[in-house]
Each structure stands twice: as C-alpha cells, then as structure tokens.
Amino acid sequence: MNSMNSMNRLRRHQRRRAGLGVSFVEVVVAAGIVGMVFVAATWAMTEVTITKTVKSTDPPIAAALAREIHQLARTLPTAISGAPAATQAGNVGNLDTLDGARFAPPIDALLGTHSELAGWSQDVDLEVFDILDLSAPISGALNDVPAHDGTLIKLTVDISQRGVAAGSYIWWLTR
C-alpha cells in the first residue's frame, strides 16, 4: 500500500509540474503569433510612410490641374492651325497648340492662369493613333496626320511641382 501511495503522489506531482511548464508546441505557437504581429507592424509603418510621401506631393491638385487641360482640349477646334506649342494661356488656339505645350504657372479650362500655384506646371503631349492599332502612334505630332474617322488622339498631361513629378494623366480624344 505504501508503494501505491508513493506512486499516486508521484503522479500528482508530475501532473502539477506538467501544468506549470510550457510545452514546445506552445512556444512555437507563441513565437508564430509574435512574428505575425511584428510583420503586421512593419507593414503598417511602411504604408504610413508611403501614404505620407504620396500625400506630400498633393495629388488632388495635380489631378485637378490635369483635368483643366482635358476640359480645355475637349472644347478646342481640332483643325490644324500650324501655330507653335503654347507657353501661356493667350497662345492657345486650336488643339494642335497644346501639343508640346508647357504652362507654368498652370492654366485652367477657361484659359485663366493659376498664379497662386507658382511652382506647379502642366506639360501636354498629343499623339495620334490608328483606332484599330493602339500599340504605337501613327505620329508623335498632331500636325503630321490629317483628321479622319480612323484616328484617336492620346492626350497626356504631366503635372510637376517644383520640378518633381506629381502625376501623369492620359485621356483619349476623337477628332
């Protein structure tokens, strides 16, 4: 009986000791959870940095300035004028005057100047594409291709702030 009591005491002691210790599986699970938390925190910090960088270039202003050029381009006559690329609002006549144009300070769709946005600029490029093949332009200059139903005009507006690119925007126009 005495040996039976000592066996029971030994088992109880082993059960208590097992309840106090940590198994290898528990350590691995805990390490996995800590690792996932670390990865999530690192990812979150990276996203905060990227968001701060994007917001610091002020994309809403860049998008608005690009839309102004798009709205202007939609209202201009598409006939070829032969005039050089515009550098200020007063030089804009037909659509071809936007090809290669640079506006600093930027202009709006009504040909007004945004003098309050000094440091910002709008660079405009027009390319002509065959409607059946948009992989390569027919011509890099609007003046080189006569208007016909089989072409599209790719309007690209690059916005920069103090020489640093703030956005590039593309629209397709018909003639």
C-alpha atoms as a PDB file:
ATOM      1  CA  MET A   1       0.000   0.000   0.000  1.00  0.00           C
ATOM      2  CA  ASN A   2       2.843   2.271   0.822  1.00  0.00           C
ATOM      3  CA  SER A   3       4.247   1.845  -2.646  1.00  0.00           C
ATOM      4  CA  MET A   4       0.779   2.605  -4.055  1.00  0.00           C
ATOM      5  CA  ASN A   5       0.636   5.881  -2.120  1.00  0.00           C
ATOM      6  CA  SER A   6       4.061   6.878  -3.285  1.00  0.00           C
ATOM      7  CA  MET A   7       3.031   6.115  -6.895  1.00  0.00           C
ATOM      8  CA  ASN A   8      -0.098   8.258  -6.575  1.00  0.00           C
ATOM      9  CA  ARG A   9       1.921  11.065  -5.016  1.00  0.00           C
ATOM     10  CA  LEU A  10       4.441  10.852  -7.868  1.00  0.00           C
ATOM     11  CA  ARG A  11       1.670  11.034 -10.481  1.00  0.00           C
ATOM     12  CA  ARG A  12       0.038  14.018  -8.767  1.00  0.00           C
ATOM     13  CA  HIS A  13       3.415  15.737  -8.598  1.00  0.00           C
ATOM     14  CA  GLN A  14       4.035  15.075 -12.308  1.00  0.00           C
ATOM     15  CA  ARG A  15       0.570  16.432 -13.215  1.00  0.00           C
ATOM     16  CA  ARG A  16       1.166  19.606 -11.184  1.00  0.00           C
ATOM     17  CA  ARG A  17       4.597  20.018 -12.731  1.00  0.00           C
ATOM     18  CA  ALA A  18       3.193  19.489 -16.243  1.00  0.00           C
ATOM     19  CA  GLY A  19       0.579  22.177 -15.528  1.00  0.00           C
ATOM     20  CA  LEU A  20       3.285  24.668 -14.543  1.00  0.00           C
ATOM     21  CA  GLY A  21       5.589  24.165 -17.521  1.00  0.00           C
ATOM     22  CA  VAL A  22       5.317  25.246 -21.152  1.00  0.00           C
ATOM     23  CA  SER A  23       5.445  22.710 -23.925  1.00  0.00           C
ATOM     24  CA  PHE A  24       7.481  23.085 -27.097  1.00  0.00           C
ATOM     25  CA  VAL A  25       4.297  23.402 -29.193  1.00  0.00           C
ATOM     26  CA  GLU A  26       3.132  26.312 -27.045  1.00  0.00           C
ATOM     27  CA  VAL A  27       6.478  28.058 -27.512  1.00  0.00           C
ATOM     28  CA  VAL A  28       6.301  27.609 -31.298  1.00  0.00           C
ATOM     29  CA  VAL A  29       2.724  28.941 -31.444  1.00  0.00           C
ATOM     30  CA  ALA A  30       3.648  31.955 -29.303  1.00  0.00           C
ATOM     31  CA  ALA A  31       6.685  32.677 -31.488  1.00  0.00           C
ATOM     32  CA  GLY A  32       4.489  32.487 -34.591  1.00  0.00           C
ATOM     33  CA  ILE A  33       1.992  34.967 -33.151  1.00  0.00           C
ATOM     34  CA  VAL A  34       4.757  37.375 -32.114  1.00  0.00           C
ATOM     35  CA  GLY A  35       6.254  37.068 -35.609  1.00  0.00           C
ATOM     36  CA  MET A  36       2.926  37.855 -37.277  1.00  0.00           C
ATOM     37  CA  VAL A  37       2.448  40.904 -35.049  1.00  0.00           C
ATOM     38  CA  PHE A  38       5.946  42.099 -35.930  1.00  0.00           C
ATOM     39  CA  VAL A  39       5.320  41.673 -39.675  1.00  0.00           C
ATOM     40  CA  ALA A  40       1.965  43.472 -39.430  1.00  0.00           C
ATOM     41  CA  ALA A  41       3.543  46.366 -37.529  1.00  0.00           C
ATOM     42  CA  THR A  42       6.351  46.649 -40.074  1.00  0.00           C
ATOM     43  CA  TRP A  43       3.857  46.619 -42.953  1.00  0.00           C
ATOM     44  CA  ALA A  44       1.718  49.268 -41.247  1.00  0.00           C
ATOM     45  CA  MET A  45       4.718  51.549 -40.755  1.00  0.00           C
ATOM     46  CA  THR A  46       5.684  51.131 -44.410  1.00  0.00           C
ATOM     47  CA  GLU A  47       2.157  52.023 -45.520  1.00  0.00           C
ATOM     48  CA  VAL A  48       2.191  55.143 -43.325  1.00  0.00           C
ATOM     49  CA  THR A  49       5.466  56.239 -44.922  1.00  0.00           C
ATOM     50  CA  ILE A  50       4.176  55.616 -48.461  1.00  0.00           C
ATOM     51  CA  THR A  51       0.902  57.434 -47.736  1.00  0.00           C
ATOM     52  CA  LYS A  52       2.782  60.402 -46.298  1.00  0.00           C
ATOM     53  CA  THR A  53       5.013  60.546 -49.387  1.00  0.00           C
ATOM     54  CA  VAL A  54       2.049  60.393 -51.780  1.00  0.00           C
ATOM     55  CA  LYS A  55       0.042  62.994 -49.873  1.00  0.00           C
ATOM     56  CA  SER A  56       3.016  65.346 -49.648  1.00  0.00           C
ATOM     57  CA  THR A  57       3.030  65.742 -53.443  1.00  0.00           C
ATOM     58  CA  ASP A  58      -0.634  66.811 -53.247  1.00  0.00           C
ATOM     59  CA  PRO A  59      -2.273  64.533 -55.865  1.00  0.00           C
ATOM     60  CA  PRO A  60      -5.686  66.268 -55.643  1.00  0.00           C
ATOM     61  CA  ILE A  61      -4.126  69.462 -57.000  1.00  0.00           C
ATOM     62  CA  ALA A  62      -2.213  67.529 -59.665  1.00  0.00           C
ATOM     63  CA  ALA A  63      -5.366  65.704 -60.801  1.00  0.00           C
ATOM     64  CA  ALA A  64      -7.367  68.936 -60.866  1.00  0.00           C
ATOM     65  CA  LEU A  65      -4.723  70.680 -62.990  1.00  0.00           C
ATOM     66  CA  ALA A  66      -4.665  67.760 -65.439  1.00  0.00           C
ATOM     67  CA  ARG A  67      -8.477  67.790 -65.686  1.00  0.00           C
ATOM     68  CA  GLU A  68      -8.357  71.506 -66.542  1.00  0.00           C
ATOM     69  CA  ILE A  69      -6.216  70.714 -69.612  1.00  0.00           C
ATOM     70  CA  HIS A  70      -8.507  67.818 -70.551  1.00  0.00           C
ATOM     71  CA  GLN A  71     -11.589  70.037 -70.356  1.00  0.00           C
ATOM     72  CA  LEU A  72      -9.823  72.709 -72.404  1.00  0.00           C
ATOM     73  CA  ALA A  73      -8.740  70.168 -75.054  1.00  0.00           C
ATOM     74  CA  ARG A  74     -12.328  68.934 -75.433  1.00  0.00           C
ATOM     75  CA  THR A  75     -13.524  72.453 -76.283  1.00  0.00           C
ATOM     76  CA  LEU A  76     -10.801  73.452 -78.765  1.00  0.00           C
ATOM     77  CA  PRO A  77     -11.230  73.204 -82.543  1.00  0.00           C
ATOM     78  CA  THR A  78      -9.389  70.197 -83.990  1.00  0.00           C
ATOM     79  CA  ALA A  79      -8.449  71.851 -87.294  1.00  0.00           C
ATOM     80  CA  ILE A  80      -4.700  72.170 -87.770  1.00  0.00           C
ATOM     81  CA  SER A  81      -3.601  75.773 -87.165  1.00  0.00           C
ATOM     82  CA  GLY A  82       0.127  75.292 -87.691  1.00  0.00           C
ATOM     83  CA  ALA A  83       0.834  77.537 -84.697  1.00  0.00           C
ATOM     84  CA  PRO A  84       3.687  76.584 -82.347  1.00  0.00           C
ATOM     85  CA  ALA A  85       3.119  74.964 -78.960  1.00  0.00           C
ATOM     86  CA  ALA A  86       1.603  77.380 -76.470  1.00  0.00           C
ATOM     87  CA  THR A  87       3.574  78.562 -73.464  1.00  0.00           C
ATOM     88  CA  GLN A  88       0.863  80.732 -71.958  1.00  0.00           C
ATOM     89  CA  ALA A  89      -2.930  80.810 -71.973  1.00  0.00           C
ATOM     90  CA  GLY A  90      -3.109  83.568 -74.622  1.00  0.00           C
ATOM     91  CA  ASN A  91      -1.287  81.391 -77.179  1.00  0.00           C
ATOM     92  CA  VAL A  92      -3.829  78.540 -77.064  1.00  0.00           C
ATOM     93  CA  GLY A  93      -5.953  78.481 -80.208  1.00  0.00           C
ATOM     94  CA  ASN A  94      -6.661  75.096 -81.712  1.00  0.00           C
ATOM     95  CA  LEU A  95      -5.974  71.651 -80.277  1.00  0.00           C
ATOM     96  CA  ASP A  96      -2.599  71.449 -82.026  1.00  0.00           C
ATOM     97  CA  THR A  97      -1.290  74.390 -79.974  1.00  0.00           C
ATOM     98  CA  LEU A  98      -1.415  72.133 -76.910  1.00  0.00           C
ATOM     99  CA  ASP A  99       0.993  69.610 -78.480  1.00  0.00           C
ATOM    100  CA  GLY A 100       4.272  70.112 -76.613  1.00  0.00           C
ATOM    101  CA  ALA A 101       2.843  72.963 -74.539  1.00  0.00           C
ATOM    102  CA  ARG A 102       4.167  73.780 -71.070  1.00  0.00           C
ATOM    103  CA  PHE A 103       2.231  76.027 -68.724  1.00  0.00           C
ATOM    104  CA  ALA A 104       3.973  77.379 -65.639  1.00  0.00           C
ATOM    105  CA  PRO A 105       2.090  78.688 -63.759  1.00  0.00           C
ATOM    106  CA  PRO A 106      -0.748  76.351 -64.732  1.00  0.00           C
ATOM    107  CA  ILE A 107      -3.835  77.378 -66.684  1.00  0.00           C
ATOM    108  CA  ASP A 108      -7.499  76.413 -66.348  1.00  0.00           C
ATOM    109  CA  ALA A 109     -10.086  75.268 -68.894  1.00  0.00           C
ATOM    110  CA  LEU A 110     -11.243  78.861 -69.443  1.00  0.00           C
ATOM    111  CA  LEU A 111      -7.666  79.966 -70.283  1.00  0.00           C
ATOM    112  CA  GLY A 112      -7.192  81.724 -66.964  1.00  0.00           C
ATOM    113  CA  THR A 113      -3.868  81.491 -65.155  1.00  0.00           C
ATOM    114  CA  HIS A 114      -3.477  79.923 -61.708  1.00  0.00           C
ATOM    115  CA  SER A 115      -0.866  82.405 -60.474  1.00  0.00           C
ATOM    116  CA  GLU A 116      -1.465  81.210 -56.894  1.00  0.00           C
ATOM    117  CA  LEU A 117       0.054  77.843 -57.907  1.00  0.00           C
ATOM    118  CA  ALA A 118       3.539  79.122 -58.695  1.00  0.00           C
ATOM    119  CA  GLY A 119       5.929  76.201 -58.766  1.00  0.00           C
ATOM    120  CA  TRP A 120       3.388  73.909 -60.450  1.00  0.00           C
ATOM    121  CA  SER A 121       3.490  73.174 -64.186  1.00  0.00           C
ATOM    122  CA  GLN A 122       1.455  71.355 -66.816  1.00  0.00           C
ATOM    123  CA  ASP A 123       3.237  69.602 -69.705  1.00  0.00           C
ATOM    124  CA  VAL A 124       0.993  68.491 -72.555  1.00  0.00           C
ATOM    125  CA  ASP A 125       1.662  65.931 -75.253  1.00  0.00           C
ATOM    126  CA  LEU A 126      -0.601  64.807 -78.098  1.00  0.00           C
ATOM    127  CA  GLU A 127      -0.081  61.650 -80.158  1.00  0.00           C
ATOM    128  CA  VAL A 128      -2.223  60.303 -82.993  1.00  0.00           C
ATOM    129  CA  PHE A 129      -3.156  56.600 -83.065  1.00  0.00           C
ATOM    130  CA  ASP A 130      -4.965  54.441 -85.574  1.00  0.00           C
ATOM    131  CA  ILE A 131      -8.210  53.349 -83.928  1.00  0.00           C
ATOM    132  CA  LEU A 132      -7.502  49.723 -84.904  1.00  0.00           C
ATOM    133  CA  ASP A 133      -3.941  49.712 -83.520  1.00  0.00           C
ATOM    134  CA  LEU A 134      -3.357  51.497 -80.221  1.00  0.00           C
ATOM    135  CA  SER A 135       0.013  49.833 -79.655  1.00  0.00           C
ATOM    136  CA  ALA A 136       2.055  52.534 -81.396  1.00  0.00           C
ATOM    137  CA  PRO A 137       1.262  56.068 -82.507  1.00  0.00           C
ATOM    138  CA  ILE A 138       0.904  56.896 -86.185  1.00  0.00           C
ATOM    139  CA  SER A 139       2.663  60.125 -85.389  1.00  0.00           C
ATOM    140  CA  GLY A 140       4.044  61.939 -82.391  1.00  0.00           C
ATOM    141  CA  ALA A 141       2.771  65.234 -83.778  1.00  0.00           C
ATOM    142  CA  LEU A 142      -0.844  66.133 -84.359  1.00  0.00           C
ATOM    143  CA  ASN A 143       0.097  68.301 -87.362  1.00  0.00           C
ATOM    144  CA  ASP A 144       1.554  65.328 -89.282  1.00  0.00           C
ATOM    145  CA  VAL A 145      -1.713  63.412 -89.665  1.00  0.00           C
ATOM    146  CA  PRO A 146      -4.828  64.712 -91.402  1.00  0.00           C
ATOM    147  CA  ALA A 147      -8.071  64.332 -89.476  1.00  0.00           C
ATOM    148  CA  HIS A 148     -10.194  61.309 -90.360  1.00  0.00           C
ATOM    149  CA  ASP A 149     -12.551  58.965 -88.564  1.00  0.00           C
ATOM    150  CA  GLY A 150      -9.973  56.224 -88.079  1.00  0.00           C
ATOM    151  CA  THR A 151      -7.777  58.075 -85.615  1.00  0.00           C
ATOM    152  CA  LEU A 152      -7.729  58.804 -81.895  1.00  0.00           C
ATOM    153  CA  ILE A 153      -5.684  61.421 -80.100  1.00  0.00           C
ATOM    154  CA  LYS A 154      -3.897  60.456 -76.918  1.00  0.00           C
ATOM    155  CA  LEU A 155      -3.731  63.445 -74.567  1.00  0.00           C
ATOM    156  CA  THR A 156      -1.044  63.110 -71.903  1.00  0.00           C
ATOM    157  CA  VAL A 157      -0.780  65.720 -69.175  1.00  0.00           C
ATOM    158  CA  ASP A 158       2.221  65.568 -66.860  1.00  0.00           C
ATOM    159  CA  ILE A 159       1.979  67.661 -63.710  1.00  0.00           C
ATOM    160  CA  SER A 160       5.006  68.643 -61.666  1.00  0.00           C
ATOM    161  CA  GLN A 161       5.586  70.693 -58.563  1.00  0.00           C
ATOM    162  CA  ARG A 162       8.918  72.492 -58.347  1.00  0.00           C
ATOM    163  CA  GLY A 163      10.352  70.136 -60.953  1.00  0.00           C
ATOM    164  CA  VAL A 164       9.220  66.951 -59.187  1.00  0.00           C
ATOM    165  CA  ALA A 165       6.645  64.793 -60.982  1.00  0.00           C
ATOM    166  CA  ALA A 166       3.291  64.904 -59.175  1.00  0.00           C
ATOM    167  CA  GLY A 167       1.243  62.851 -61.659  1.00  0.00           C
ATOM    168  CA  SER A 168       0.757  61.777 -65.248  1.00  0.00           C
ATOM    169  CA  TYR A 169      -2.758  61.607 -66.704  1.00  0.00           C
ATOM    170  CA  ILE A 170      -3.961  60.204 -70.030  1.00  0.00           C
ATOM    171  CA  TRP A 171      -7.198  60.664 -71.993  1.00  0.00           C
ATOM    172  CA  TRP A 172      -8.270  59.563 -75.462  1.00  0.00           C
ATOM    173  CA  LEU A 173      -9.927  62.157 -77.702  1.00  0.00           C
ATOM    174  CA  THR A 174     -11.694  61.892 -81.023  1.00  0.00           C
ATOM    175  CA  ARG A 175     -11.258  64.379 -83.842  1.00  0.00           C
END
